[in-house]
Amino acid sequence: MFKEPIEILPTVCYTACATLKGPDSHYGTKGLKKVVHESPTASKTCFVFYSSPGNNNGTSIEDGQIPEIIFYT
């Protein structure tokens, strides 16, 4: 969570890093590499996920840990 919203720019890669608290997430089994959201105004927002080369705690694209992204356009 951020205290203030942050702007995400098109065609720029960002790294999401989080410390999660709570029950086991089963390592994000059946995660998606790409998520496309189509708004009622027909605009599309696409999130594409890549594996991180660093210490990723055994996760990958298909088995990630970020449970939810909340955004607005």
N, C-alpha and C. Protein backbone atom coordinates (compact mmCIF):
# COMPACT_ATOMS: atom_id res chain seq x y z
N MET A 1 0.85 -1.18 0.00
CA MET A 1 0.00 0.00 0.00
C MET A 1 0.89 1.23 0.00
N PHE A 2 0.49 2.19 -0.78
CA PHE A 2 1.19 3.47 -0.82
C PHE A 2 0.33 4.52 -0.13
N LYS A 3 0.96 5.48 0.51
CA LYS A 3 0.20 6.56 1.15
C LYS A 3 -0.50 7.41 0.10
N GLU A 4 0.14 7.58 -1.04
CA GLU A 4 -0.41 8.34 -2.16
C GLU A 4 -0.38 7.44 -3.40
N PRO A 5 -1.34 7.58 -4.32
CA PRO A 5 -1.29 6.80 -5.56
C PRO A 5 -0.01 7.13 -6.35
N ILE A 6 0.49 6.16 -7.08
CA ILE A 6 1.65 6.40 -7.93
C ILE A 6 1.24 6.24 -9.39
N GLU A 7 1.89 7.00 -10.27
CA GLU A 7 1.58 6.92 -11.69
C GLU A 7 2.44 5.84 -12.34
N ILE A 8 1.81 4.98 -13.10
CA ILE A 8 2.49 3.95 -13.86
C ILE A 8 2.45 4.36 -15.32
N LEU A 9 3.61 4.44 -15.95
CA LEU A 9 3.68 4.89 -17.33
C LEU A 9 3.65 3.72 -18.31
N PRO A 10 3.03 3.91 -19.48
CA PRO A 10 2.98 2.83 -20.48
C PRO A 10 4.38 2.46 -20.96
N THR A 11 4.56 1.22 -21.31
CA THR A 11 5.79 0.66 -21.90
C THR A 11 7.01 0.75 -20.97
N VAL A 12 6.81 0.97 -19.69
CA VAL A 12 7.90 1.01 -18.72
C VAL A 12 7.76 -0.22 -17.83
N CYS A 13 8.87 -0.94 -17.59
CA CYS A 13 8.84 -2.10 -16.70
C CYS A 13 9.07 -1.66 -15.27
N TYR A 14 8.27 -2.17 -14.35
CA TYR A 14 8.39 -1.87 -12.94
C TYR A 14 8.59 -3.17 -12.17
N THR A 15 9.25 -3.09 -11.04
CA THR A 15 9.42 -4.25 -10.17
C THR A 15 8.54 -4.07 -8.94
N ALA A 16 7.68 -5.04 -8.70
CA ALA A 16 6.84 -5.02 -7.50
C ALA A 16 7.47 -5.95 -6.48
N CYS A 17 7.73 -5.42 -5.30
CA CYS A 17 8.34 -6.20 -4.23
C CYS A 17 7.49 -6.00 -2.99
N ALA A 18 7.16 -7.10 -2.33
CA ALA A 18 6.27 -6.98 -1.18
C ALA A 18 6.64 -8.00 -0.12
N THR A 19 6.37 -7.65 1.13
CA THR A 19 6.44 -8.59 2.23
C THR A 19 5.00 -8.90 2.61
N LEU A 20 4.61 -10.15 2.43
CA LEU A 20 3.22 -10.52 2.67
C LEU A 20 3.05 -11.14 4.04
N LYS A 21 1.96 -10.80 4.71
CA LYS A 21 1.63 -11.37 6.00
C LYS A 21 0.29 -12.06 5.86
N GLY A 22 0.13 -13.18 6.51
CA GLY A 22 -1.14 -13.87 6.47
C GLY A 22 -0.96 -15.33 6.16
N PRO A 23 -2.06 -15.99 5.82
CA PRO A 23 -1.99 -17.43 5.55
C PRO A 23 -1.18 -17.74 4.30
N ASP A 24 -0.71 -18.97 4.19
CA ASP A 24 0.05 -19.44 3.04
C ASP A 24 -0.75 -19.22 1.77
N SER A 25 -0.10 -18.67 0.75
CA SER A 25 -0.78 -18.40 -0.52
C SER A 25 -0.58 -19.52 -1.52
N HIS A 26 0.07 -20.60 -1.10
CA HIS A 26 0.38 -21.72 -1.99
C HIS A 26 1.21 -21.27 -3.17
N TYR A 27 2.03 -20.26 -2.96
CA TYR A 27 2.98 -19.75 -3.96
C TYR A 27 2.31 -19.28 -5.23
N GLY A 28 1.08 -18.80 -5.15
CA GLY A 28 0.42 -18.24 -6.32
C GLY A 28 0.14 -19.26 -7.40
N THR A 29 -0.14 -20.50 -7.05
CA THR A 29 -0.37 -21.55 -8.04
C THR A 29 -1.36 -21.10 -9.10
N LYS A 30 -1.04 -21.40 -10.35
CA LYS A 30 -1.85 -21.04 -11.52
C LYS A 30 -1.89 -19.54 -11.74
N GLY A 31 -0.81 -18.86 -11.47
CA GLY A 31 -0.72 -17.44 -11.76
C GLY A 31 -0.76 -17.18 -13.26
N LEU A 32 -0.99 -15.95 -13.66
CA LEU A 32 -1.09 -15.58 -15.07
C LEU A 32 0.12 -14.76 -15.48
N LYS A 33 0.62 -14.98 -16.70
CA LYS A 33 1.74 -14.19 -17.23
C LYS A 33 1.25 -12.83 -17.70
N LYS A 34 -0.01 -12.77 -18.11
CA LYS A 34 -0.55 -11.53 -18.67
C LYS A 34 -1.99 -11.38 -18.23
N VAL A 35 -2.36 -10.18 -17.79
CA VAL A 35 -3.73 -9.88 -17.40
C VAL A 35 -4.15 -8.62 -18.16
N VAL A 36 -5.26 -8.71 -18.90
CA VAL A 36 -5.77 -7.56 -19.65
C VAL A 36 -7.12 -7.18 -19.05
N HIS A 37 -7.26 -5.89 -18.72
CA HIS A 37 -8.52 -5.37 -18.18
C HIS A 37 -9.10 -4.41 -19.21
N GLU A 38 -10.34 -4.64 -19.61
CA GLU A 38 -10.99 -3.75 -20.56
C GLU A 38 -12.04 -2.94 -19.81
N SER A 39 -11.93 -1.62 -19.88
CA SER A 39 -12.86 -0.75 -19.16
C SER A 39 -14.13 -0.56 -19.97
N PRO A 40 -15.19 -0.04 -19.35
CA PRO A 40 -16.44 0.21 -20.07
C PRO A 40 -16.27 1.19 -21.24
N THR A 41 -15.23 2.01 -21.21
CA THR A 41 -15.00 2.96 -22.30
C THR A 41 -14.15 2.34 -23.41
N ALA A 42 -13.94 1.03 -23.36
CA ALA A 42 -13.21 0.25 -24.37
C ALA A 42 -11.70 0.47 -24.32
N SER A 43 -11.18 1.16 -23.31
CA SER A 43 -9.73 1.26 -23.19
C SER A 43 -9.23 0.00 -22.49
N LYS A 44 -7.99 -0.40 -22.82
CA LYS A 44 -7.44 -1.62 -22.24
C LYS A 44 -6.21 -1.30 -21.41
N THR A 45 -6.08 -1.99 -20.28
CA THR A 45 -4.89 -1.92 -19.44
C THR A 45 -4.34 -3.34 -19.37
N CYS A 46 -3.05 -3.48 -19.68
CA CYS A 46 -2.44 -4.81 -19.72
C CYS A 46 -1.28 -4.87 -18.73
N PHE A 47 -1.30 -5.88 -17.87
CA PHE A 47 -0.20 -6.15 -16.95
C PHE A 47 0.50 -7.41 -17.43
N VAL A 48 1.81 -7.33 -17.64
CA VAL A 48 2.61 -8.49 -18.06
C VAL A 48 3.62 -8.77 -16.97
N PHE A 49 3.70 -10.02 -16.52
CA PHE A 49 4.55 -10.39 -15.40
C PHE A 49 5.76 -11.19 -15.88
N TYR A 50 6.93 -10.89 -15.31
CA TYR A 50 8.18 -11.56 -15.64
C TYR A 50 8.78 -12.12 -14.36
N SER A 51 9.59 -13.15 -14.49
CA SER A 51 10.30 -13.67 -13.32
C SER A 51 11.42 -12.71 -12.93
N SER A 52 11.64 -12.59 -11.64
CA SER A 52 12.70 -11.73 -11.13
C SER A 52 13.98 -12.54 -10.97
N PRO A 53 15.12 -12.02 -11.46
CA PRO A 53 16.36 -12.78 -11.36
C PRO A 53 16.95 -12.83 -9.94
N GLY A 54 16.45 -12.03 -9.05
CA GLY A 54 17.00 -11.97 -7.69
C GLY A 54 16.47 -13.08 -6.80
N ASN A 55 16.52 -12.85 -5.50
CA ASN A 55 16.01 -13.80 -4.52
C ASN A 55 14.49 -13.77 -4.59
N ASN A 56 13.90 -14.73 -5.26
CA ASN A 56 12.45 -14.71 -5.45
C ASN A 56 11.72 -15.76 -4.63
N ASN A 57 12.39 -16.32 -3.67
CA ASN A 57 11.75 -17.25 -2.73
C ASN A 57 11.06 -18.43 -3.43
N GLY A 58 11.63 -18.86 -4.56
CA GLY A 58 11.08 -20.01 -5.26
C GLY A 58 9.88 -19.71 -6.12
N THR A 59 9.57 -18.44 -6.37
CA THR A 59 8.42 -18.12 -7.20
C THR A 59 8.88 -17.90 -8.64
N SER A 60 7.92 -17.92 -9.55
CA SER A 60 8.19 -17.69 -10.96
C SER A 60 7.00 -16.95 -11.55
N ILE A 61 6.97 -16.83 -12.88
CA ILE A 61 5.83 -16.15 -13.51
C ILE A 61 4.53 -16.87 -13.17
N GLU A 62 4.53 -18.19 -13.32
CA GLU A 62 3.31 -18.96 -13.08
C GLU A 62 3.01 -19.13 -11.60
N ASP A 63 4.01 -19.01 -10.76
CA ASP A 63 3.82 -19.24 -9.33
C ASP A 63 4.27 -18.02 -8.54
N GLY A 64 3.59 -16.90 -8.73
CA GLY A 64 3.97 -15.65 -8.08
C GLY A 64 3.30 -15.46 -6.74
N GLN A 65 3.56 -14.32 -6.11
CA GLN A 65 3.07 -14.06 -4.77
C GLN A 65 2.17 -12.82 -4.66
N ILE A 66 2.10 -11.97 -5.69
CA ILE A 66 1.28 -10.75 -5.60
C ILE A 66 -0.18 -11.16 -5.80
N PRO A 67 -1.01 -11.12 -4.75
CA PRO A 67 -2.36 -11.63 -4.86
C PRO A 67 -3.34 -10.71 -5.58
N GLU A 68 -3.09 -9.40 -5.57
CA GLU A 68 -4.07 -8.48 -6.15
C GLU A 68 -3.41 -7.14 -6.44
N ILE A 69 -3.79 -6.55 -7.58
CA ILE A 69 -3.35 -5.20 -7.93
C ILE A 69 -4.61 -4.36 -8.10
N ILE A 70 -4.69 -3.28 -7.37
CA ILE A 70 -5.86 -2.37 -7.47
C ILE A 70 -5.38 -1.12 -8.18
N PHE A 71 -6.06 -0.73 -9.25
CA PHE A 71 -5.63 0.42 -10.05
C PHE A 71 -6.85 1.17 -10.60
N TYR A 72 -6.60 2.37 -11.08
CA TYR A 72 -7.65 3.11 -11.78
C TYR A 72 -7.01 3.83 -12.95
N THR A 73 -7.85 4.12 -13.97
CA THR A 73 -7.36 4.81 -15.16
C THR A 73 -8.07 6.12 -15.33
